[in-house]
């Protein structure tokens, strides 16, 4: 757990110079047969739920880059009857497109590391976090701007010493704010 706290502290220190801070609350949708466990070579549905997201975004013109942290307090695995907490962090790269003077769309790819912590005596699953986050931002006067976002979370590789754990896209939708000097 000490390594995770060190990584989060590092990300927070690096984020001090971000041009935009994104914070949102999202709903992760249940997806049938999305998670794969080997052994026993079987799929399971994941029941989504609440996801908290934060990111720091830098960039001028249309290029955007930065960092992200995602936290899902409970993602239920149907076939095996247990809950997972998921924490993902890593880097962001993408673009920004102005729709008009006040609306901007930011499609952002996220690449990083995910830790899935199951309840009980099962070891944590670690893996590659590969996500898409599309933000629609309404720029207003002041420093706080509303946003809507949608996208998906995936884990194309991962597991622990005993079990491979991967999952295909798990979709989410949400809303939040962007804090920026615009």
Protein backbone atom coordinates (compact mmCIF):
# COMPACT_ATOMS: atom_id res chain seq x y z
CA UNK A 1 0.00 0.00 0.00
CA UNK A 2 2.97 2.30 0.62
CA UNK A 3 3.92 2.25 -3.08
CA UNK A 4 0.39 3.34 -4.08
CA UNK A 5 0.47 6.27 -1.66
CA UNK A 6 3.90 7.28 -3.02
CA UNK A 7 2.62 7.21 -6.61
CA UNK A 8 -0.49 9.23 -5.73
CA UNK A 9 1.62 11.81 -3.86
CA UNK A 10 3.96 12.09 -6.88
CA UNK A 11 1.01 12.62 -9.23
CA UNK A 12 -0.42 15.31 -6.96
CA UNK A 13 2.92 17.13 -6.82
CA UNK A 14 3.33 17.00 -10.61
CA UNK A 15 -0.23 18.22 -11.04
CA UNK A 16 0.40 21.54 -9.32
CA UNK A 17 1.15 23.20 -12.67
CA UNK A 18 -1.79 21.75 -14.66
CA UNK A 19 -3.72 24.23 -16.80
CA UNK A 20 -7.02 22.41 -16.24
CA UNK A 21 -8.21 20.20 -13.40
CA UNK A 22 -11.06 17.83 -14.23
CA UNK A 23 -13.18 16.27 -11.49
CA UNK A 24 -16.26 14.15 -12.21
CA UNK A 25 -18.64 11.57 -10.81
CA UNK A 26 -19.58 8.82 -13.23
CA UNK A 27 -21.84 5.83 -13.47
CA UNK A 28 -20.16 2.67 -14.80
CA UNK A 29 -22.60 0.40 -16.64
CA UNK A 30 -22.97 -3.31 -16.04
CA UNK A 31 -21.59 -5.26 -18.97
CA UNK A 32 -22.33 -8.96 -19.52
CA UNK A 33 -19.43 -11.37 -20.01
CA UNK A 34 -16.82 -8.62 -19.96
CA UNK A 35 -14.28 -9.93 -17.41
CA UNK A 36 -12.06 -12.93 -18.16
CA UNK A 37 -10.44 -15.09 -15.47
CA UNK A 38 -7.90 -17.82 -16.28
CA UNK A 39 -7.94 -20.21 -14.50
CA UNK A 40 -10.75 -21.28 -14.68
CA UNK A 41 -10.96 -20.00 -18.30
CA UNK A 42 -14.34 -18.33 -17.72
CA UNK A 43 -16.03 -15.00 -18.28
CA UNK A 44 -18.13 -13.00 -15.83
CA UNK A 45 -20.30 -9.92 -15.93
CA UNK A 46 -19.07 -6.87 -14.03
CA UNK A 47 -21.68 -4.74 -12.32
CA UNK A 48 -20.53 -1.17 -12.51
CA UNK A 49 -21.44 1.53 -10.10
CA UNK A 50 -20.04 4.84 -8.99
CA UNK A 51 -16.66 6.00 -10.32
CA UNK A 52 -14.77 9.09 -9.17
CA UNK A 53 -12.38 10.61 -11.70
CA UNK A 54 -9.75 13.33 -11.48
CA UNK A 55 -7.20 14.54 -14.00
CA UNK A 56 -4.81 17.35 -14.74
CA UNK A 57 -4.60 18.47 -18.37
CA UNK A 58 -1.94 20.59 -20.05
CA UNK A 59 -1.56 21.84 -23.61
CA UNK A 60 -2.07 24.66 -26.04
CA UNK A 61 -3.84 24.77 -29.39
CA UNK A 62 -5.42 21.33 -29.97
CA UNK A 63 -2.92 18.99 -28.22
CA UNK A 64 -3.79 17.88 -24.67
CA UNK A 65 -1.72 15.72 -22.30
CA UNK A 66 -1.58 15.10 -18.55
CA UNK A 67 -2.43 12.58 -15.82
CA UNK A 68 -5.52 10.76 -14.48
CA UNK A 69 -6.77 8.93 -11.39
CA UNK A 70 -9.93 6.76 -11.46
CA UNK A 71 -11.48 5.12 -8.39
CA UNK A 72 -14.36 2.61 -8.37
CA UNK A 73 -15.31 1.67 -4.78
CA UNK A 74 -17.30 -1.41 -5.84
CA UNK A 75 -17.40 -3.41 -9.09
CA UNK A 76 -19.29 -6.66 -8.45
CA UNK A 77 -18.10 -9.86 -10.20
CA UNK A 78 -21.25 -11.98 -10.72
CA UNK A 79 -19.88 -15.43 -11.49
CA UNK A 80 -17.56 -15.51 -8.47
CA UNK A 81 -19.72 -13.44 -6.08
CA UNK A 82 -17.22 -10.84 -4.85
CA UNK A 83 -16.61 -7.10 -5.08
CA UNK A 84 -13.55 -5.37 -6.54
CA UNK A 85 -12.28 -1.93 -5.71
CA UNK A 86 -10.44 -0.48 -8.70
CA UNK A 87 -7.81 2.27 -8.71
CA UNK A 88 -6.25 3.40 -11.99
CA UNK A 89 -3.64 6.06 -12.63
CA UNK A 90 -1.46 7.09 -15.51
CA UNK A 91 -1.03 9.46 -18.42
CA UNK A 92 -3.43 11.19 -20.79
CA UNK A 93 -2.99 12.28 -24.40
CA UNK A 94 -5.57 13.66 -26.79
CA UNK A 95 -6.96 16.70 -28.51
CA UNK A 96 -9.35 19.61 -28.03
CA UNK A 97 -11.82 20.85 -30.62
CA UNK A 98 -13.89 24.02 -30.30
CA UNK A 99 -17.51 23.52 -31.34
CA UNK A 100 -18.28 27.22 -30.83
CA UNK A 101 -16.99 30.02 -28.59
CA UNK A 102 -18.16 28.33 -25.38
CA UNK A 103 -18.13 24.57 -26.09
CA UNK A 104 -15.10 22.33 -26.43
CA UNK A 105 -14.85 18.56 -27.01
CA UNK A 106 -11.78 16.74 -25.64
CA UNK A 107 -11.30 13.09 -26.68
CA UNK A 108 -8.52 11.76 -24.41
CA UNK A 109 -6.83 8.35 -24.35
CA UNK A 110 -5.62 7.20 -20.94
CA UNK A 111 -2.79 4.70 -20.51
CA UNK A 112 -1.65 3.60 -17.09
CA UNK A 113 -1.72 1.09 -14.26
CA UNK A 114 -4.78 -0.40 -12.55
CA UNK A 115 -4.98 -2.21 -9.21
CA UNK A 116 -8.13 -4.25 -8.57
CA UNK A 117 -8.51 -5.18 -4.92
CA UNK A 118 -10.96 -8.05 -4.30
CA UNK A 119 -12.66 -8.57 -0.98
CA UNK A 120 -11.52 -11.54 1.09
CA UNK A 121 -8.24 -13.42 0.93
CA UNK A 122 -7.66 -13.13 -2.83
CA UNK A 123 -4.49 -11.34 -4.00
CA UNK A 124 -4.89 -8.03 -5.83
CA UNK A 125 -5.02 -8.03 -9.63
CA UNK A 126 -2.66 -5.58 -11.34
CA UNK A 127 -2.95 -4.62 -14.96
CA UNK A 128 -2.73 -2.27 -17.89
CA UNK A 129 -5.35 0.50 -17.80
CA UNK A 130 -6.35 1.54 -21.31
CA UNK A 131 -9.29 3.96 -21.25
CA UNK A 132 -11.11 6.52 -23.38
CA UNK A 133 -12.53 9.70 -21.82
CA UNK A 134 -14.50 12.14 -23.99
CA UNK A 135 -15.27 15.47 -22.30
CA UNK A 136 -17.74 18.11 -23.43
CA UNK A 137 -16.88 21.35 -21.64
CA UNK A 138 -18.99 24.50 -21.48
CA UNK A 139 -16.64 27.44 -20.91
CA UNK A 140 -18.22 30.15 -18.75
CA UNK A 141 -16.97 33.29 -17.08
CA UNK A 142 -14.92 32.48 -14.00
CA UNK A 143 -12.72 29.53 -13.13
CA UNK A 144 -15.27 26.69 -12.76
CA UNK A 145 -16.84 25.21 -15.90
CA UNK A 146 -19.39 22.35 -16.18
CA UNK A 147 -18.65 19.25 -18.21
CA UNK A 148 -20.29 16.04 -19.36
CA UNK A 149 -18.18 13.00 -20.12
CA UNK A 150 -18.46 9.45 -21.37
CA UNK A 151 -16.07 6.70 -22.38
CA UNK A 152 -14.88 3.27 -21.37
CA UNK A 153 -12.37 1.43 -19.16
CA UNK A 154 -10.48 -1.64 -20.38
CA UNK A 155 -7.76 -3.90 -19.03
CA UNK A 156 -6.22 -5.84 -21.95
CA UNK A 157 -3.53 -7.43 -19.74
CA UNK A 158 -3.23 -8.16 -16.04
CA UNK A 159 -3.81 -10.47 -13.13
CA UNK A 160 -1.76 -11.79 -10.23
CA UNK A 161 0.60 -14.75 -9.76
CA UNK A 162 -2.32 -17.23 -9.82
CA UNK A 163 -4.97 -15.79 -12.16
CA UNK A 164 -5.07 -13.76 -15.37
CA UNK A 165 -7.69 -10.99 -15.07
CA UNK A 166 -8.61 -8.88 -18.10
CA UNK A 167 -11.75 -7.09 -19.23
CA UNK A 168 -13.14 -5.59 -22.41
CA UNK A 169 -14.75 -2.11 -22.51
CA UNK A 170 -16.84 -1.19 -19.50
CA UNK A 171 -18.74 1.97 -20.46
CA UNK A 172 -19.38 5.01 -18.26
CA UNK A 173 -21.19 8.35 -18.39
CA UNK A 174 -20.96 11.23 -15.97
CA UNK A 175 -20.77 14.90 -15.16
CA UNK A 176 -18.37 17.15 -13.33
CA UNK A 177 -16.43 20.37 -13.41
CA UNK A 178 -13.26 21.72 -14.96
CA UNK A 179 -11.26 24.21 -12.92
CA UNK A 180 -9.21 26.43 -15.22
CA UNK A 181 -8.20 30.05 -15.84
CA UNK A 182 -10.06 30.71 -19.09
